[in-house]
Structure formats: C-alpha cells, structure tokens
C-alpha cells in the first residue's frame, strides 16, 4: 500500500476513535440502582400474664429499599414495609392476621451542583422521627415515645427541603405535608408545616450527622377539621462512639381542648463497652395527656445488645409500663411487663 494511503487510513482511524471517545464522554452516566433490606425479629414473653403465659415469635417490621442515583443530582427512593393485616370487616366476618406490604417512602430528590440543600417530593421522611431514631439507634426495640403515643409519624405525603452546613454542624429539614401520616388519607382541609434544626455545639469522636453535643428543636403547625394540630419538641443529645445520652420534651395540641393534648418526656442512653461488641441501653418515656381520664404513663426500657456481625444485632431487653391510676394498671396488667429478645438484620 502506498505511503500516502497508509497515512490517510491512520488519520481516519484516529479521527473515528477520537469522535467515539468524545461521544462516550458526552453520554449520561447510567443510573446506579441498589436494593437492600432491613428486618426486625422478636420473641416476647408477658411476665405478668399468669393465666396464659402469652409468648410469641414475630416479625415486627421488614423493609425493602430500592435506591436510585441518576445524573444531574437526582436520586429516588422506594421503600415498602410489612404490617399485620388485622381483622377484615366482611360478611361473614373473617380474620386474616398475615403480613402484608405497604408503601413507606416513595420520593425523588434534587440537589443542585455545589448546593448544601436538597429538595424532595412524594411520600417523604418527616423531620423529627428519622433524626431521633438515628440518635437512639435502637429502633429494633420499638417506636419512639411521640410515635408510640400517636403524635408523629416517620413519613407523610408532601414536599420538603433538607440542608446541612459545615460538615453537619447545622442540620435542617423543612416539610409541608398532609399531616395525616403515611397510613392515612388527607381530608384536604389543611396541611402541616414542620421544621427541625439541630446544631452541634461540641465535637466528639462520632463524626456522623447526629454525633457530638447537639441542641435540636422541632416545630409543627397544622390545621385539621378539629382545629390546630401543633407539636413542639426540644432535645439535648450527646453522642460519641462509646456513649449516647439524650433528653427531650414535647408539647402537643389537637384542637382547643382534646383528650390527646399532652406532654411527652423521654430520656435514653447507650453505653458501648470498649474493645467489645456489647452495649447496654436504657430509656424512660413519660406520656401525660391533659384532658379526659387521668392516664399518665411511664415506660421503662432496659437491655443488653451484642453486634454479632456488621449485619446482625441482638438485643435482650425488658419493657415495663406503669400507669397513674390503679384502674389502668389493672386493665393493662397482663401486658405491662414484657421480656423481649429482638434482632436487627440488614442487607
């Protein structure tokens, strides 16, 4: 082949290769999709149930998470969880207590390039419970005090914005949601505005978003058919790799005067033994509703955990509830004191 032909052919091949590389560089990156799961198992033994000695193995919660990361700062999350079906109102009546899937989270987020804020829309995290559960880190034991009392939910339908500055020294979240939780349907008469801000005032060896000595406040204002639906919470927390300590107080209002109005107080702590996989936990919740029957309730939780592997945690604990009145103590006698063996499996 003459020299000129060889040279022309070489130039052509180089041009094609360069064009192909340029086009490949311009093509959007393929989406990154990951799938994971989280399962809570439980064995419960009712210590005061002297008649039936009720005890039971169960799956208290199971999550399936699908996470997507796309070009341009867009991400998405889809989470389904498991709940008991309960009693079905049919004719003739039937009972089906099997487990079923329901939607927990389904939202998309957008973070502008270089921005400290992230916008989200769909069935989203609400500002408080996800944060509090991250501080406590033992959701496997049960729900938090305000969740257990029915005042807050971890998810709701709406829009929101998250923000973090100075390596999470300031962490902020604001949402506008239906206010009827992810398990309910809005009547369309009002929405809830919810905001949380947390400031780290002292660093520790825990560099996570909830680490350090922090002051955190939450405010939720909403309108419902019965009137105002307001929640105000303050918390002081300290978290290092070995120790977690936190105390919080909440005030709730539903309407002008409702049997659900009240105060909630909670304090909890975790101590992780150095150079081991073991830890001890303790928590006290106080619920005091301010109208209707006097039903102040104090719940004590204590236990020992062991991190069997990075994906499997074990917890043996005691859960005891004490009511202000003898009548309520008697009515709840059999279920007031529980011995629990619980596990958390994530993959």
Protein backbone atom coordinates (compact mmCIF):
# COMPACT_ATOMS: atom_id res chain seq x y z
CA UNK A 1 0.00 0.00 0.00
CA UNK A 2 1.49 3.39 -0.97
CA UNK A 3 2.69 5.58 1.90
CA UNK A 4 0.03 8.23 1.30
CA UNK A 5 -2.76 5.65 1.59
CA UNK A 6 -1.35 4.31 4.85
CA UNK A 7 -1.13 7.79 6.24
CA UNK A 8 -4.69 8.65 5.23
CA UNK A 9 -6.00 5.43 6.73
CA UNK A 10 -4.18 6.16 10.01
CA UNK A 11 -5.64 9.66 10.18
CA UNK A 12 -9.16 8.30 9.52
CA UNK A 13 -8.86 5.65 12.25
CA UNK A 14 -7.59 8.22 14.75
CA UNK A 15 -10.46 10.59 13.93
CA UNK A 16 -13.06 7.88 14.37
CA UNK A 17 -11.55 6.83 17.69
CA UNK A 18 -11.47 10.44 18.91
CA UNK A 19 -15.10 11.02 17.90
CA UNK A 20 -16.20 7.82 19.62
CA UNK A 21 -14.42 8.79 22.83
CA UNK A 22 -15.99 12.27 22.73
CA UNK A 23 -19.46 10.84 22.26
CA UNK A 24 -18.90 8.38 25.10
CA UNK A 25 -17.80 11.23 27.36
CA UNK A 26 -20.93 13.19 26.49
CA UNK A 27 -23.31 10.30 27.12
CA UNK A 28 -25.07 10.46 30.51
CA UNK A 29 -23.83 8.04 33.15
CA UNK A 30 -26.11 5.05 33.61
CA UNK A 31 -28.28 5.16 36.76
CA UNK A 32 -26.97 3.43 39.87
CA UNK A 33 -29.67 1.31 41.49
CA UNK A 34 -29.15 -0.56 44.76
CA UNK A 35 -31.52 -2.83 46.66
CA UNK A 36 -31.33 -3.56 50.38
CA UNK A 37 -33.42 -4.81 53.25
CA UNK A 38 -33.92 -4.38 56.99
CA UNK A 39 -35.72 -6.92 59.20
CA UNK A 40 -36.69 -6.82 62.89
CA UNK A 41 -37.49 -10.14 64.56
CA UNK A 42 -38.87 -10.60 68.05
CA UNK A 43 -39.71 -13.10 70.76
CA UNK A 44 -41.90 -11.68 73.54
CA UNK A 45 -42.87 -13.22 76.88
CA UNK A 46 -45.51 -11.49 79.03
CA UNK A 47 -44.08 -11.66 82.55
CA UNK A 48 -47.27 -10.71 84.40
CA UNK A 49 -49.61 -12.89 82.35
CA UNK A 50 -50.11 -15.57 84.99
CA UNK A 51 -53.09 -17.16 83.19
CA UNK A 52 -51.99 -17.75 79.60
CA UNK A 53 -48.24 -17.00 79.83
CA UNK A 54 -48.52 -15.38 76.43
CA UNK A 55 -45.35 -15.66 74.36
CA UNK A 56 -44.80 -15.27 70.65
CA UNK A 57 -42.26 -15.23 67.81
CA UNK A 58 -42.87 -12.50 65.24
CA UNK A 59 -41.51 -10.23 62.53
CA UNK A 60 -42.29 -6.78 63.88
CA UNK A 61 -41.06 -4.90 60.82
CA UNK A 62 -39.40 -5.62 57.49
CA UNK A 63 -38.28 -3.05 54.92
CA UNK A 64 -37.29 -3.41 51.28
CA UNK A 65 -35.36 -0.39 49.99
CA UNK A 66 -34.69 0.48 46.37
CA UNK A 67 -32.37 3.45 45.90
CA UNK A 68 -31.61 5.12 42.58
CA UNK A 69 -28.91 7.66 41.79
CA UNK A 70 -29.12 9.49 38.46
CA UNK A 71 -27.23 12.17 36.58
CA UNK A 72 -27.77 15.83 37.40
CA UNK A 73 -28.07 15.48 41.20
CA UNK A 74 -31.30 13.46 41.11
CA UNK A 75 -31.94 10.48 43.39
CA UNK A 76 -35.01 8.40 44.20
CA UNK A 77 -36.08 6.05 46.95
CA UNK A 78 -38.82 3.44 47.15
CA UNK A 79 -39.41 1.64 50.48
CA UNK A 80 -42.09 -0.88 51.31
CA UNK A 81 -42.59 -2.29 54.78
CA UNK A 82 -44.57 -5.04 56.45
CA UNK A 83 -47.50 -4.77 58.84
CA UNK A 84 -50.12 -7.08 60.28
CA UNK A 85 -53.27 -7.18 58.16
CA UNK A 86 -55.60 -7.31 61.17
CA UNK A 87 -59.29 -8.09 61.17
CA UNK A 88 -61.19 -7.80 57.92
CA UNK A 89 -64.73 -6.42 58.19
CA UNK A 90 -66.61 -8.72 55.86
CA UNK A 91 -69.85 -10.67 55.89
CA UNK A 92 -69.43 -13.21 57.32
CA UNK A 93 -66.55 -11.71 59.34
CA UNK A 94 -63.12 -13.25 58.77
CA UNK A 95 -59.78 -12.71 60.42
CA UNK A 96 -56.54 -12.58 58.49
CA UNK A 97 -53.55 -11.64 60.60
CA UNK A 98 -50.97 -12.31 57.90
CA UNK A 99 -48.24 -9.89 56.97
CA UNK A 100 -48.75 -7.51 54.06
CA UNK A 101 -46.69 -4.91 52.23
CA UNK A 102 -47.46 -1.23 52.32
CA UNK A 103 -45.71 1.85 50.97
CA UNK A 104 -43.47 3.67 53.47
CA UNK A 105 -41.36 6.00 51.31
CA UNK A 106 -41.57 6.92 47.64
CA UNK A 107 -39.86 10.16 46.67
CA UNK A 108 -37.40 11.87 44.39
CA UNK A 109 -34.73 14.36 45.44
CA UNK A 110 -32.75 17.04 43.64
CA UNK A 111 -29.51 18.58 44.90
CA UNK A 112 -28.24 21.48 42.76
CA UNK A 113 -24.50 21.24 41.98
CA UNK A 114 -22.47 22.54 44.92
CA UNK A 115 -25.60 23.31 46.97
CA UNK A 116 -25.98 22.42 50.68
CA UNK A 117 -29.72 21.88 50.26
CA UNK A 118 -31.72 19.01 48.78
CA UNK A 119 -35.30 19.27 47.57
CA UNK A 120 -37.66 16.29 47.77
CA UNK A 121 -41.23 15.42 46.85
CA UNK A 122 -43.51 12.41 47.31
CA UNK A 123 -44.00 10.20 50.34
CA UNK A 124 -41.09 11.63 52.32
CA UNK A 125 -39.38 11.50 55.71
CA UNK A 126 -40.87 13.86 58.25
CA UNK A 127 -38.31 15.98 60.11
CA UNK A 128 -38.32 14.55 63.64
CA UNK A 129 -38.57 10.78 63.97
CA UNK A 130 -35.91 9.82 61.43
CA UNK A 131 -33.49 12.13 63.27
CA UNK A 132 -34.41 10.92 66.77
CA UNK A 133 -34.18 7.26 65.75
CA UNK A 134 -30.70 7.90 64.34
CA UNK A 135 -29.60 9.33 67.71
CA UNK A 136 -31.12 6.41 69.67
CA UNK A 137 -30.05 3.76 67.13
CA UNK A 138 -32.28 1.05 68.63
CA UNK A 139 -35.48 1.28 66.57
CA UNK A 140 -35.45 -2.53 66.74
CA UNK A 141 -36.70 -2.25 70.34
CA UNK A 142 -39.83 -0.32 69.38
CA UNK A 143 -41.11 3.06 68.29
CA UNK A 144 -40.09 6.36 69.90
CA UNK A 145 -42.26 7.99 72.56
CA UNK A 146 -44.08 10.51 70.33
CA UNK A 147 -44.62 7.85 67.65
CA UNK A 148 -45.93 5.32 70.19
CA UNK A 149 -48.36 7.93 71.52
CA UNK A 150 -49.69 8.64 68.01
CA UNK A 151 -48.49 12.24 67.81
CA UNK A 152 -45.97 11.87 64.97
CA UNK A 153 -45.22 9.62 62.03
CA UNK A 154 -41.95 8.91 60.25
CA UNK A 155 -43.41 9.57 56.77
CA UNK A 156 -46.10 11.67 55.10
CA UNK A 157 -47.13 12.91 51.66
CA UNK A 158 -45.75 16.28 50.65
CA UNK A 159 -42.66 18.29 49.72
CA UNK A 160 -39.60 19.28 51.68
CA UNK A 161 -36.06 20.57 51.77
CA UNK A 162 -33.03 19.28 53.70
CA UNK A 163 -29.93 21.30 54.42
CA UNK A 164 -26.57 20.77 56.09
CA UNK A 165 -23.69 23.14 56.62
CA UNK A 166 -20.13 22.90 57.99
CA UNK A 167 -19.98 19.07 57.94
CA UNK A 168 -23.40 18.75 59.60
CA UNK A 169 -22.65 21.23 62.36
CA UNK A 170 -26.02 22.64 61.37
CA UNK A 171 -28.61 20.21 60.05
CA UNK A 172 -32.03 21.42 58.92
CA UNK A 173 -35.21 19.96 57.47
CA UNK A 174 -38.50 21.59 56.48
CA UNK A 175 -41.61 19.90 55.06
CA UNK A 176 -45.16 20.72 54.06
CA UNK A 177 -47.25 17.55 54.32
CA UNK A 178 -50.83 16.34 54.67
CA UNK A 179 -50.42 15.81 58.42
CA UNK A 180 -52.41 12.56 58.44
CA UNK A 181 -49.36 10.28 58.23
CA UNK A 182 -48.44 7.77 55.52
CA UNK A 183 -51.09 5.38 56.87
CA UNK A 184 -53.92 7.91 56.49
CA UNK A 185 -55.64 9.99 53.83
CA UNK A 186 -55.88 13.77 53.99
CA UNK A 187 -59.34 15.30 54.19
CA UNK A 188 -57.99 18.18 52.12
CA UNK A 189 -58.84 20.83 54.72
CA UNK A 190 -55.33 21.78 55.74
CA UNK A 191 -51.65 20.94 55.67
CA UNK A 192 -48.88 20.72 58.27
CA UNK A 193 -45.69 22.77 58.14
CA UNK A 194 -42.89 21.04 60.04
CA UNK A 195 -39.32 22.16 60.72
CA UNK A 196 -36.33 20.80 62.63
CA UNK A 197 -32.94 22.38 63.19
CA UNK A 198 -30.03 20.76 65.02
CA UNK A 199 -26.78 22.49 65.97
CA UNK A 200 -23.63 20.69 67.11
CA UNK A 201 -22.07 22.80 69.87
CA UNK A 202 -19.27 20.35 70.75
CA UNK A 203 -17.44 17.77 68.63
CA UNK A 204 -16.79 14.18 69.70
CA UNK A 205 -15.18 11.18 68.04
CA UNK A 206 -18.54 10.44 66.38
CA UNK A 207 -18.46 12.26 63.04
CA UNK A 208 -21.93 11.12 61.91
CA UNK A 209 -24.74 13.61 61.32
CA UNK A 210 -26.10 13.02 64.84
CA UNK A 211 -22.71 12.93 66.58
CA UNK A 212 -21.41 15.41 69.14
CA UNK A 213 -23.20 17.51 71.74
CA UNK A 214 -26.24 18.87 69.95
CA UNK A 215 -29.24 21.10 70.64
CA UNK A 216 -32.22 20.22 68.46
CA UNK A 217 -35.61 21.86 68.13
CA UNK A 218 -38.75 20.91 66.23
CA UNK A 219 -41.97 22.78 65.50
CA UNK A 220 -45.00 21.52 63.62
CA UNK A 221 -48.06 23.65 62.88
CA UNK A 222 -51.14 22.32 61.12
CA UNK A 223 -54.85 22.77 60.61
CA UNK A 224 -57.34 19.92 60.80
CA UNK A 225 -61.13 19.61 60.97
CA UNK A 226 -60.96 19.71 64.78
CA UNK A 227 -58.72 22.79 64.85
CA UNK A 228 -54.99 23.27 65.37
CA UNK A 229 -52.60 20.33 65.19
CA UNK A 230 -49.36 21.57 66.74
CA UNK A 231 -46.21 19.84 68.02
CA UNK A 232 -43.19 21.42 69.72
CA UNK A 233 -40.12 19.42 70.79
CA UNK A 234 -36.74 20.26 72.26
CA UNK A 235 -33.86 17.83 72.73
CA UNK A 236 -30.31 17.90 74.08
CA UNK A 237 -28.17 14.96 72.95
CA UNK A 238 -24.59 13.79 73.33
CA UNK A 239 -23.18 11.06 71.15
CA UNK A 240 -19.70 9.62 70.87
CA UNK A 241 -18.54 6.21 69.70
CA UNK A 242 -18.93 4.87 73.25
CA UNK A 243 -21.76 6.88 74.84
CA UNK A 244 -25.17 8.20 73.80
CA UNK A 245 -27.23 10.39 76.15
CA UNK A 246 -30.36 12.34 75.22
CA UNK A 247 -33.31 14.05 76.85
CA UNK A 248 -36.34 15.61 75.20
CA UNK A 249 -39.64 17.26 76.00
CA UNK A 250 -42.67 17.60 73.69
CA UNK A 251 -45.89 19.62 73.88
CA UNK A 252 -48.86 18.68 71.71
CA UNK A 253 -52.13 20.39 70.82
CA UNK A 254 -55.08 19.00 68.86
CA UNK A 255 -58.00 21.41 68.77
CA UNK A 256 -58.84 23.81 71.57
CA UNK A 257 -59.06 21.10 74.23
CA UNK A 258 -58.73 17.45 73.33
CA UNK A 259 -58.09 14.23 75.19
CA UNK A 260 -54.99 13.87 73.03
CA UNK A 261 -53.42 17.15 74.15
CA UNK A 262 -50.48 16.48 76.38
CA UNK A 263 -46.82 16.36 77.23
CA UNK A 264 -44.25 13.72 76.33
CA UNK A 265 -40.87 13.36 78.00
CA UNK A 266 -38.17 10.89 77.03
CA UNK A 267 -34.61 10.20 78.15
CA UNK A 268 -32.35 7.46 76.85
CA UNK A 269 -28.78 6.30 76.93
CA UNK A 270 -26.45 3.75 75.36
CA UNK A 271 -23.05 2.62 76.58
CA UNK A 272 -20.83 0.56 74.27
CA UNK A 273 -18.17 -1.40 76.10
CA UNK A 274 -14.73 -0.55 74.67
CA UNK A 275 -12.98 -3.23 72.62
CA UNK A 276 -16.14 -5.39 72.60
CA UNK A 277 -19.32 -5.78 70.55
CA UNK A 278 -21.59 -5.45 73.61
CA UNK A 279 -23.63 -2.48 74.84
CA UNK A 280 -26.25 -1.65 77.45
CA UNK A 281 -29.30 0.53 76.76
CA UNK A 282 -31.81 2.33 78.99
CA UNK A 283 -34.80 4.53 78.29
CA UNK A 284 -37.65 6.20 80.18
CA UNK A 285 -40.76 7.63 78.43
CA UNK A 286 -43.45 9.66 80.18
CA UNK A 287 -46.77 10.35 78.45
CA UNK A 288 -49.19 12.71 80.21
CA UNK A 289 -52.42 13.54 78.40
CA UNK A 290 -54.12 16.61 79.83
CA UNK A 291 -57.81 16.03 79.25
CA UNK A 292 -60.23 13.20 79.89
CA UNK A 293 -59.24 10.34 82.17
CA UNK A 294 -56.03 10.63 84.13
CA UNK A 295 -53.75 8.25 82.31
CA UNK A 296 -50.18 9.36 82.90
CA UNK A 297 -47.98 6.52 81.74
CA UNK A 298 -44.33 5.88 82.48
CA UNK A 299 -42.44 3.29 80.45
CA UNK A 300 -39.08 1.83 81.44
CA UNK A 301 -36.84 0.03 78.94
CA UNK A 302 -33.53 -1.62 79.67
CA UNK A 303 -31.42 -4.21 77.91
CA UNK A 304 -28.15 -5.61 76.64
CA UNK A 305 -27.19 -5.76 72.96
CA UNK A 306 -24.50 -7.61 71.04
CA UNK A 307 -23.33 -6.89 67.49
CA UNK A 308 -22.97 -10.46 66.25
CA UNK A 309 -21.78 -9.26 62.83
CA UNK A 310 -21.92 -5.97 60.92
CA UNK A 311 -25.31 -7.09 59.56
CA UNK A 312 -26.88 -8.74 62.63
CA UNK A 313 -27.52 -7.17 66.04
CA UNK A 314 -29.07 -8.98 69.02
CA UNK A 315 -30.97 -7.36 71.90
CA UNK A 316 -32.34 -8.85 75.14
CA UNK A 317 -34.45 -6.29 76.98
CA UNK A 318 -37.24 -5.61 79.47
CA UNK A 319 -40.16 -3.27 78.70
CA UNK A 320 -42.33 -2.17 81.64
CA UNK A 321 -45.26 0.28 81.68
CA UNK A 322 -46.67 1.90 84.82
CA UNK A 323 -49.95 3.85 84.83
CA UNK A 324 -51.00 6.62 87.17
CA UNK A 325 -54.26 5.00 88.24
CA UNK A 326 -54.83 1.58 89.75
CA UNK A 327 -57.72 1.00 87.33
CA UNK A 328 -55.48 1.40 84.28
CA UNK A 329 -52.76 -0.70 85.84
CA UNK A 330 -55.31 -3.44 86.41
CA UNK A 331 -56.76 -3.13 82.88
CA UNK A 332 -53.30 -3.49 81.34
CA UNK A 333 -51.90 -5.88 83.93
CA UNK A 334 -51.08 -8.82 81.65
CA UNK A 335 -49.15 -6.75 79.08
CA UNK A 336 -47.41 -4.23 81.35
CA UNK A 337 -44.20 -6.19 81.80
CA UNK A 338 -42.51 -7.90 78.86
CA UNK A 339 -39.28 -9.81 78.36
CA UNK A 340 -38.08 -9.44 74.76
CA UNK A 341 -35.43 -10.97 72.57
CA UNK A 342 -35.10 -8.92 69.39
CA UNK A 343 -32.77 -8.88 66.41
CA UNK A 344 -31.98 -6.47 63.60
CA UNK A 345 -30.83 -7.85 60.25
CA UNK A 346 -29.77 -5.55 57.42
CA UNK A 347 -28.51 -6.46 53.98
